[in-house]
């Protein structure tokens, strides 16, 4: 469904992406791993068209993502942001229904609220939270609301940016399980950026490691532990010693 070929992106003298090649098949869950500053978020922004690559091509169903109807293109995506990114001044149901109240997907306020409450139910939150504000919820509950918003418009493709950041291990496990269940139920194509190896093992079909501006290794999650690649082994086991330089 998504294919990247020779993608380069430089900011000033910083060469972030140096020829990324990656294929994400329809209906599969791809998890991108790699250290901080390796270009994972830039890669995601390139796919969404928020950043324009300097070279290379990115296609969605064979069509160049930089061409065509931008609104129709973005309507196919859902996004779970790293910090949740809920609107503080909006009630929970309005956050979940944000896309349904605007633009090409616009629904009536009544219908949008009903859909929001159903999506909240799907992530384990009752209708009593619908009229609360984000500040009235715990971090884990806010993350669930963000997940409900990501799936509210029934997207074909969902991006998850560090979905368990700031959560305790138990809530991280809950969110990982929800993501896996929902992606499977929807038949969606998923791309996740994470440092959390428990997330990788819980939600990935395939894994790609980004290092040095390129995909260092990619393959099924079942083959990740057995790969002899020293970069992958150092990262997944959190070792200080290895080819990936660390600050000391």
C-alpha atoms as a PDB file:
ATOM      1  CA  UNK A   1       0.000   0.000   0.000  1.00  0.00           C
ATOM      2  CA  UNK A   2       2.807   2.415   0.926  1.00  0.00           C
ATOM      3  CA  UNK A   3       6.147   2.331  -0.868  1.00  0.00           C
ATOM      4  CA  UNK A   4       9.202   4.513  -0.317  1.00  0.00           C
ATOM      5  CA  UNK A   5      12.049   4.446  -2.803  1.00  0.00           C
ATOM      6  CA  UNK A   6      15.337   6.290  -2.368  1.00  0.00           C
ATOM      7  CA  UNK A   7      13.870   8.950  -0.067  1.00  0.00           C
ATOM      8  CA  UNK A   8      16.295  11.695   0.987  1.00  0.00           C
ATOM      9  CA  UNK A   9      15.716  14.669   3.275  1.00  0.00           C
ATOM     10  CA  UNK A  10      18.247  17.216   4.489  1.00  0.00           C
ATOM     11  CA  UNK A  11      17.755  20.137   6.857  1.00  0.00           C
ATOM     12  CA  UNK A  12      20.669  22.535   6.384  1.00  0.00           C
ATOM     13  CA  UNK A  13      23.778  20.437   6.907  1.00  0.00           C
ATOM     14  CA  UNK A  14      21.873  17.668   8.671  1.00  0.00           C
ATOM     15  CA  UNK A  15      21.258  14.732   6.340  1.00  0.00           C
ATOM     16  CA  UNK A  16      18.338  13.027   8.073  1.00  0.00           C
ATOM     17  CA  UNK A  17      17.137  10.552   5.433  1.00  0.00           C
ATOM     18  CA  UNK A  18      19.785   9.170   3.078  1.00  0.00           C
ATOM     19  CA  UNK A  19      17.959   6.874   0.718  1.00  0.00           C
ATOM     20  CA  UNK A  20      15.145   5.144   2.554  1.00  0.00           C
ATOM     21  CA  UNK A  21      13.570   2.136   0.834  1.00  0.00           C
ATOM     22  CA  UNK A  22      10.548   0.607   2.547  1.00  0.00           C
ATOM     23  CA  UNK A  23       7.343  -1.229   1.615  1.00  0.00           C
ATOM     24  CA  UNK A  24       4.277  -1.493   3.856  1.00  0.00           C
ATOM     25  CA  UNK A  25       1.759  -4.040   2.618  1.00  0.00           C
ATOM     26  CA  UNK A  26      -1.981  -3.413   2.842  1.00  0.00           C
ATOM     27  CA  UNK A  27      -3.569  -4.613   6.078  1.00  0.00           C
ATOM     28  CA  UNK A  28      -0.268  -5.109   7.889  1.00  0.00           C
ATOM     29  CA  UNK A  29       1.267  -3.434  10.926  1.00  0.00           C
ATOM     30  CA  UNK A  30       4.748  -1.989  10.367  1.00  0.00           C
ATOM     31  CA  UNK A  31       6.745  -0.717  13.339  1.00  0.00           C
ATOM     32  CA  UNK A  32       9.704   1.610  12.795  1.00  0.00           C
ATOM     33  CA  UNK A  33      12.408   1.445  15.464  1.00  0.00           C
ATOM     34  CA  UNK A  34      15.629   3.383  15.902  1.00  0.00           C
ATOM     35  CA  UNK A  35      17.319   5.800  18.255  1.00  0.00           C
ATOM     36  CA  UNK A  36      16.271   9.378  18.879  1.00  0.00           C
ATOM     37  CA  UNK A  37      17.170  11.686  16.011  1.00  0.00           C
ATOM     38  CA  UNK A  38      17.392   8.924  13.400  1.00  0.00           C
ATOM     39  CA  UNK A  39      14.607  10.376  11.253  1.00  0.00           C
ATOM     40  CA  UNK A  40      11.589   8.290  12.223  1.00  0.00           C
ATOM     41  CA  UNK A  41       9.258  11.262  12.657  1.00  0.00           C
ATOM     42  CA  UNK A  42      10.619  12.955   9.519  1.00  0.00           C
ATOM     43  CA  UNK A  43       9.859   9.774   7.591  1.00  0.00           C
ATOM     44  CA  UNK A  44       6.277   9.804   8.857  1.00  0.00           C
ATOM     45  CA  UNK A  45       5.892  13.496   7.951  1.00  0.00           C
ATOM     46  CA  UNK A  46       7.194  12.784   4.447  1.00  0.00           C
ATOM     47  CA  UNK A  47       4.535  10.109   3.933  1.00  0.00           C
ATOM     48  CA  UNK A  48       1.816  12.505   5.128  1.00  0.00           C
ATOM     49  CA  UNK A  49       3.148  15.259   2.872  1.00  0.00           C
ATOM     50  CA  UNK A  50       3.949  17.575   5.787  1.00  0.00           C
ATOM     51  CA  UNK A  51       7.590  17.510   4.671  1.00  0.00           C
ATOM     52  CA  UNK A  52       8.672  17.275   1.036  1.00  0.00           C
ATOM     53  CA  UNK A  53      11.562  14.870   0.330  1.00  0.00           C
ATOM     54  CA  UNK A  54      14.580  16.270  -1.505  1.00  0.00           C
ATOM     55  CA  UNK A  55      14.783  13.141  -3.642  1.00  0.00           C
ATOM     56  CA  UNK A  56      13.089   9.779  -4.067  1.00  0.00           C
ATOM     57  CA  UNK A  57       9.449   8.814  -4.326  1.00  0.00           C
ATOM     58  CA  UNK A  58       6.656   7.884  -1.930  1.00  0.00           C
ATOM     59  CA  UNK A  59       3.550   6.226  -3.318  1.00  0.00           C
ATOM     60  CA  UNK A  60       0.206   5.223  -1.833  1.00  0.00           C
ATOM     61  CA  UNK A  61      -1.527   2.527  -3.889  1.00  0.00           C
ATOM     62  CA  UNK A  62       0.902   3.385  -6.672  1.00  0.00           C
ATOM     63  CA  UNK A  63       0.050   7.106  -6.679  1.00  0.00           C
ATOM     64  CA  UNK A  64       2.630   9.766  -5.819  1.00  0.00           C
ATOM     65  CA  UNK A  65       1.638  11.242  -2.435  1.00  0.00           C
ATOM     66  CA  UNK A  66       2.684  14.750  -3.543  1.00  0.00           C
ATOM     67  CA  UNK A  67       0.078  14.842  -6.321  1.00  0.00           C
ATOM     68  CA  UNK A  68      -3.693  14.654  -6.565  1.00  0.00           C
ATOM     69  CA  UNK A  69      -6.481  15.729  -4.223  1.00  0.00           C
ATOM     70  CA  UNK A  70      -4.846  16.571  -0.889  1.00  0.00           C
ATOM     71  CA  UNK A  71      -8.063  16.430   1.157  1.00  0.00           C
ATOM     72  CA  UNK A  72      -9.044  13.054  -0.284  1.00  0.00           C
ATOM     73  CA  UNK A  73      -5.543  11.770   0.408  1.00  0.00           C
ATOM     74  CA  UNK A  74      -5.500  12.861   4.059  1.00  0.00           C
ATOM     75  CA  UNK A  75      -9.042  11.551   4.619  1.00  0.00           C
ATOM     76  CA  UNK A  76      -7.605   8.034   4.314  1.00  0.00           C
ATOM     77  CA  UNK A  77      -5.374   8.519   7.379  1.00  0.00           C
ATOM     78  CA  UNK A  78      -5.863   8.455  11.126  1.00  0.00           C
ATOM     79  CA  UNK A  79      -3.195   9.632  13.554  1.00  0.00           C
ATOM     80  CA  UNK A  80      -2.375   9.008  17.196  1.00  0.00           C
ATOM     81  CA  UNK A  81       0.048  11.745  18.222  1.00  0.00           C
ATOM     82  CA  UNK A  82       2.876  11.204  20.699  1.00  0.00           C
ATOM     83  CA  UNK A  83       1.559  13.581  23.344  1.00  0.00           C
ATOM     84  CA  UNK A  84      -2.091  12.840  22.653  1.00  0.00           C
ATOM     85  CA  UNK A  85      -2.556  16.372  21.242  1.00  0.00           C
ATOM     86  CA  UNK A  86      -6.078  16.771  22.579  1.00  0.00           C
ATOM     87  CA  UNK A  87      -7.657  20.220  22.447  1.00  0.00           C
ATOM     88  CA  UNK A  88      -7.889  21.460  26.050  1.00  0.00           C
ATOM     89  CA  UNK A  89     -10.850  23.767  25.358  1.00  0.00           C
ATOM     90  CA  UNK A  90     -12.992  21.049  23.754  1.00  0.00           C
ATOM     91  CA  UNK A  91     -15.018  18.373  25.497  1.00  0.00           C
ATOM     92  CA  UNK A  92     -13.916  14.783  25.054  1.00  0.00           C
ATOM     93  CA  UNK A  93     -16.599  13.912  22.497  1.00  0.00           C
ATOM     94  CA  UNK A  94     -15.717  17.020  20.463  1.00  0.00           C
ATOM     95  CA  UNK A  95     -12.074  15.932  20.429  1.00  0.00           C
ATOM     96  CA  UNK A  96     -12.984  12.449  19.224  1.00  0.00           C
ATOM     97  CA  UNK A  97     -15.382  13.821  16.587  1.00  0.00           C
ATOM     98  CA  UNK A  98     -13.061  16.631  15.473  1.00  0.00           C
ATOM     99  CA  UNK A  99     -12.779  15.449  11.857  1.00  0.00           C
ATOM    100  CA  UNK A 100     -16.459  14.527  11.713  1.00  0.00           C
ATOM    101  CA  UNK A 101     -17.476  18.089  12.519  1.00  0.00           C
ATOM    102  CA  UNK A 102     -15.359  19.614   9.744  1.00  0.00           C
ATOM    103  CA  UNK A 103     -14.324  19.347   6.125  1.00  0.00           C
ATOM    104  CA  UNK A 104     -15.235  16.621   3.661  1.00  0.00           C
ATOM    105  CA  UNK A 105     -16.236  14.144   6.381  1.00  0.00           C
ATOM    106  CA  UNK A 106     -18.698  16.520   8.036  1.00  0.00           C
ATOM    107  CA  UNK A 107     -21.623  14.941   9.924  1.00  0.00           C
ATOM    108  CA  UNK A 108     -24.425  16.491  11.944  1.00  0.00           C
ATOM    109  CA  UNK A 109     -23.531  17.339  15.532  1.00  0.00           C
ATOM    110  CA  UNK A 110     -25.901  14.650  16.827  1.00  0.00           C
ATOM    111  CA  UNK A 111     -24.460  11.947  14.575  1.00  0.00           C
ATOM    112  CA  UNK A 112     -20.882  13.001  15.307  1.00  0.00           C
ATOM    113  CA  UNK A 113     -21.529  12.766  19.052  1.00  0.00           C
ATOM    114  CA  UNK A 114     -23.062   9.292  18.679  1.00  0.00           C
ATOM    115  CA  UNK A 115     -20.042   8.086  16.705  1.00  0.00           C
ATOM    116  CA  UNK A 116     -17.688   9.617  19.285  1.00  0.00           C
ATOM    117  CA  UNK A 117     -19.423   7.840  22.158  1.00  0.00           C
ATOM    118  CA  UNK A 118     -19.269   4.534  20.267  1.00  0.00           C
ATOM    119  CA  UNK A 119     -15.532   4.970  19.610  1.00  0.00           C
ATOM    120  CA  UNK A 120     -14.966   5.864  23.258  1.00  0.00           C
ATOM    121  CA  UNK A 121     -16.767   2.660  24.196  1.00  0.00           C
ATOM    122  CA  UNK A 122     -14.463   0.737  21.857  1.00  0.00           C
ATOM    123  CA  UNK A 123     -11.418   1.950  23.772  1.00  0.00           C
ATOM    124  CA  UNK A 124     -12.977   1.152  27.141  1.00  0.00           C
ATOM    125  CA  UNK A 125     -14.393   4.545  28.131  1.00  0.00           C
ATOM    126  CA  UNK A 126     -18.034   5.019  29.103  1.00  0.00           C
ATOM    127  CA  UNK A 127     -20.382   7.761  27.879  1.00  0.00           C
ATOM    128  CA  UNK A 128     -19.946   9.622  31.185  1.00  0.00           C
ATOM    129  CA  UNK A 129     -16.550  10.942  29.971  1.00  0.00           C
ATOM    130  CA  UNK A 130     -17.972  12.470  26.784  1.00  0.00           C
ATOM    131  CA  UNK A 131     -18.731  15.861  28.331  1.00  0.00           C
ATOM    132  CA  UNK A 132     -15.567  16.105  30.418  1.00  0.00           C
ATOM    133  CA  UNK A 133     -12.462  18.033  29.382  1.00  0.00           C
ATOM    134  CA  UNK A 134      -9.009  16.469  28.800  1.00  0.00           C
ATOM    135  CA  UNK A 135      -7.611  17.959  32.029  1.00  0.00           C
ATOM    136  CA  UNK A 136     -10.179  15.934  33.977  1.00  0.00           C
ATOM    137  CA  UNK A 137      -8.770  12.621  32.703  1.00  0.00           C
ATOM    138  CA  UNK A 138      -5.647  10.659  33.622  1.00  0.00           C
ATOM    139  CA  UNK A 139      -2.798  10.262  31.128  1.00  0.00           C
ATOM    140  CA  UNK A 140      -3.913   6.746  30.235  1.00  0.00           C
ATOM    141  CA  UNK A 141      -7.498   7.856  29.666  1.00  0.00           C
ATOM    142  CA  UNK A 142      -6.310  10.754  27.494  1.00  0.00           C
ATOM    143  CA  UNK A 143      -4.321   8.299  25.381  1.00  0.00           C
ATOM    144  CA  UNK A 144      -7.451   6.190  24.905  1.00  0.00           C
ATOM    145  CA  UNK A 145      -9.373   9.291  23.817  1.00  0.00           C
ATOM    146  CA  UNK A 146      -6.610  10.028  21.301  1.00  0.00           C
ATOM    147  CA  UNK A 147      -6.923   6.481  19.979  1.00  0.00           C
ATOM    148  CA  UNK A 148     -10.703   6.886  19.691  1.00  0.00           C
ATOM    149  CA  UNK A 149     -10.153  10.084  17.689  1.00  0.00           C
ATOM    150  CA  UNK A 150      -7.665   8.321  15.394  1.00  0.00           C
ATOM    151  CA  UNK A 151     -10.271   5.705  14.427  1.00  0.00           C
ATOM    152  CA  UNK A 152     -13.401   7.908  14.469  1.00  0.00           C
ATOM    153  CA  UNK A 153     -13.467   8.423  10.708  1.00  0.00           C
ATOM    154  CA  UNK A 154     -12.771   4.738   9.918  1.00  0.00           C
ATOM    155  CA  UNK A 155      -9.396   5.402   8.233  1.00  0.00           C
ATOM    156  CA  UNK A 156      -7.673   2.899   5.965  1.00  0.00           C
ATOM    157  CA  UNK A 157      -4.243   3.790   7.337  1.00  0.00           C
ATOM    158  CA  UNK A 158      -3.367   4.670  10.930  1.00  0.00           C
ATOM    159  CA  UNK A 159      -0.105   6.163  12.172  1.00  0.00           C
ATOM    160  CA  UNK A 160       0.921   5.780  15.808  1.00  0.00           C
ATOM    161  CA  UNK A 161       3.693   8.093  17.031  1.00  0.00           C
ATOM    162  CA  UNK A 162       5.198   6.715  20.278  1.00  0.00           C
ATOM    163  CA  UNK A 163       1.779   5.456  21.496  1.00  0.00           C
ATOM    164  CA  UNK A 164       2.950   4.460  24.998  1.00  0.00           C
ATOM    165  CA  UNK A 165       5.104   7.493  25.866  1.00  0.00           C
ATOM    166  CA  UNK A 166       4.508   8.638  29.447  1.00  0.00           C
ATOM    167  CA  UNK A 167       2.447   5.612  30.440  1.00  0.00           C
ATOM    168  CA  UNK A 168       3.194   3.062  33.158  1.00  0.00           C
ATOM    169  CA  UNK A 169       3.914  -0.549  32.051  1.00  0.00           C
ATOM    170  CA  UNK A 170       0.381  -1.771  32.771  1.00  0.00           C
ATOM    171  CA  UNK A 171      -1.336   1.043  30.845  1.00  0.00           C
ATOM    172  CA  UNK A 172       1.221   0.639  28.057  1.00  0.00           C
ATOM    173  CA  UNK A 173       0.145  -2.990  27.772  1.00  0.00           C
ATOM    174  CA  UNK A 174      -3.523  -1.958  27.662  1.00  0.00           C
ATOM    175  CA  UNK A 175      -2.863   0.546  24.860  1.00  0.00           C
ATOM    176  CA  UNK A 176      -0.759  -1.965  22.905  1.00  0.00           C
ATOM    177  CA  UNK A 177      -3.539  -4.560  23.136  1.00  0.00           C
ATOM    178  CA  UNK A 178      -6.156  -2.009  22.039  1.00  0.00           C
ATOM    179  CA  UNK A 179      -4.069  -0.939  19.045  1.00  0.00           C
ATOM    180  CA  UNK A 180      -3.567  -4.540  17.942  1.00  0.00           C
ATOM    181  CA  UNK A 181      -7.250  -5.415  18.330  1.00  0.00           C
ATOM    182  CA  UNK A 182      -8.532  -2.301  16.578  1.00  0.00           C
ATOM    183  CA  UNK A 183      -6.107  -2.487  13.650  1.00  0.00           C
ATOM    184  CA  UNK A 184      -7.042  -6.148  13.142  1.00  0.00           C
ATOM    185  CA  UNK A 185     -10.794  -5.455  13.416  1.00  0.00           C
ATOM    186  CA  UNK A 186     -10.647  -2.560  10.950  1.00  0.00           C
ATOM    187  CA  UNK A 187      -8.341  -4.330   8.536  1.00  0.00           C
ATOM    188  CA  UNK A 188      -6.313  -1.127   8.556  1.00  0.00           C
ATOM    189  CA  UNK A 189      -2.727  -0.637   7.483  1.00  0.00           C
ATOM    190  CA  UNK A 190      -0.695   0.617  10.444  1.00  0.00           C
ATOM    191  CA  UNK A 191       2.655   2.319  10.860  1.00  0.00           C
ATOM    192  CA  UNK A 192       4.036   2.854  14.345  1.00  0.00           C
ATOM    193  CA  UNK A 193       7.094   4.743  15.565  1.00  0.00           C
ATOM    194  CA  UNK A 194       8.305   3.565  18.967  1.00  0.00           C
ATOM    195  CA  UNK A 195      11.273   3.047  21.282  1.00  0.00           C
ATOM    196  CA  UNK A 196       9.238   0.625  23.414  1.00  0.00           C
ATOM    197  CA  UNK A 197      10.203  -2.944  22.593  1.00  0.00           C
ATOM    198  CA  UNK A 198       7.112  -4.305  24.376  1.00  0.00           C
ATOM    199  CA  UNK A 199       5.041  -2.285  21.870  1.00  0.00           C
ATOM    200  CA  UNK A 200       7.045  -3.696  18.993  1.00  0.00           C
ATOM    201  CA  UNK A 201       6.387  -7.279  20.057  1.00  0.00           C
ATOM    202  CA  UNK A 202       2.713  -6.601  20.788  1.00  0.00           C
ATOM    203  CA  UNK A 203       1.625  -4.762  17.645  1.00  0.00           C
ATOM    204  CA  UNK A 204       4.093  -5.459  14.820  1.00  0.00           C
ATOM    205  CA  UNK A 205       3.713  -7.794  11.887  1.00  0.00           C
ATOM    206  CA  UNK A 206       6.913  -6.387  10.404  1.00  0.00           C
ATOM    207  CA  UNK A 207       9.724  -4.263  11.808  1.00  0.00           C
ATOM    208  CA  UNK A 208      12.114  -1.820  10.152  1.00  0.00           C
ATOM    209  CA  UNK A 209      15.132  -0.321  11.889  1.00  0.00           C
ATOM    210  CA  UNK A 210      16.190   3.153  10.811  1.00  0.00           C
ATOM    211  CA  UNK A 211      19.815   4.093  11.388  1.00  0.00           C
ATOM    212  CA  UNK A 212      22.166   6.426   9.593  1.00  0.00           C
ATOM    213  CA  UNK A 213      19.340   7.746   7.453  1.00  0.00           C
ATOM    214  CA  UNK A 214      18.579   4.348   5.920  1.00  0.00           C
ATOM    215  CA  UNK A 215      16.593   1.231   6.739  1.00  0.00           C
ATOM    216  CA  UNK A 216      19.255  -0.910   8.366  1.00  0.00           C
ATOM    217  CA  UNK A 217      17.099  -4.041   8.634  1.00  0.00           C
ATOM    218  CA  UNK A 218      13.511  -4.997   7.912  1.00  0.00           C
ATOM    219  CA  UNK A 219      11.611  -8.220   8.300  1.00  0.00           C
ATOM    220  CA  UNK A 220       8.864 -10.062  10.190  1.00  0.00           C
ATOM    221  CA  UNK A 221       8.819  -9.416  13.930  1.00  0.00           C
ATOM    222  CA  UNK A 222       9.256 -13.178  14.413  1.00  0.00           C
ATOM    223  CA  UNK A 223      12.735 -12.905  12.836  1.00  0.00           C
ATOM    224  CA  UNK A 224      13.857  -9.810  14.746  1.00  0.00           C
ATOM    225  CA  UNK A 225      15.464 -11.580  17.698  1.00  0.00           C
ATOM    226  CA  UNK A 226      17.368 -14.006  15.480  1.00  0.00           C
ATOM    227  CA  UNK A 227      18.861 -11.480  13.054  1.00  0.00           C
ATOM    228  CA  UNK A 228      22.645 -11.253  13.371  1.00  0.00           C
ATOM    229  CA  UNK A 229      22.612  -7.532  12.535  1.00  0.00           C
ATOM    230  CA  UNK A 230      24.637  -5.902  15.350  1.00  0.00           C
ATOM    231  CA  UNK A 231      22.680  -2.631  15.179  1.00  0.00           C
ATOM    232  CA  UNK A 232      19.346  -4.401  15.676  1.00  0.00           C
ATOM    233  CA  UNK A 233      20.715  -6.578  18.459  1.00  0.00           C
ATOM    234  CA  UNK A 234      22.176  -3.609  20.336  1.00  0.00           C
ATOM    235  CA  UNK A 235      18.950  -1.628  20.049  1.00  0.00           C
ATOM    236  CA  UNK A 236      16.441  -4.329  20.987  1.00  0.00           C
ATOM    237  CA  UNK A 237      18.491  -5.373  24.019  1.00  0.00           C
ATOM    238  CA  UNK A 238      19.363  -1.819  25.085  1.00  0.00           C
ATOM    239  CA  UNK A 239      23.113  -2.446  25.220  1.00  0.00           C
ATOM    240  CA  UNK A 240      25.499   0.448  25.805  1.00  0.00           C
ATOM    241  CA  UNK A 241      28.242  -1.323  23.848  1.00  0.00           C
ATOM    242  CA  UNK A 242      27.908  -1.792  20.108  1.00  0.00           C
ATOM    243  CA  UNK A 243      28.048  -0.048  16.737  1.00  0.00           C
ATOM    244  CA  UNK A 244      25.409   2.541  17.738  1.00  0.00           C
ATOM    245  CA  UNK A 245      27.261   5.374  19.431  1.00  0.00           C
ATOM    246  CA  UNK A 246      25.915   6.481  22.798  1.00  0.00           C
ATOM    247  CA  UNK A 247      26.606   9.544  24.884  1.00  0.00           C
ATOM    248  CA  UNK A 248      28.892   8.818  27.811  1.00  0.00           C
END
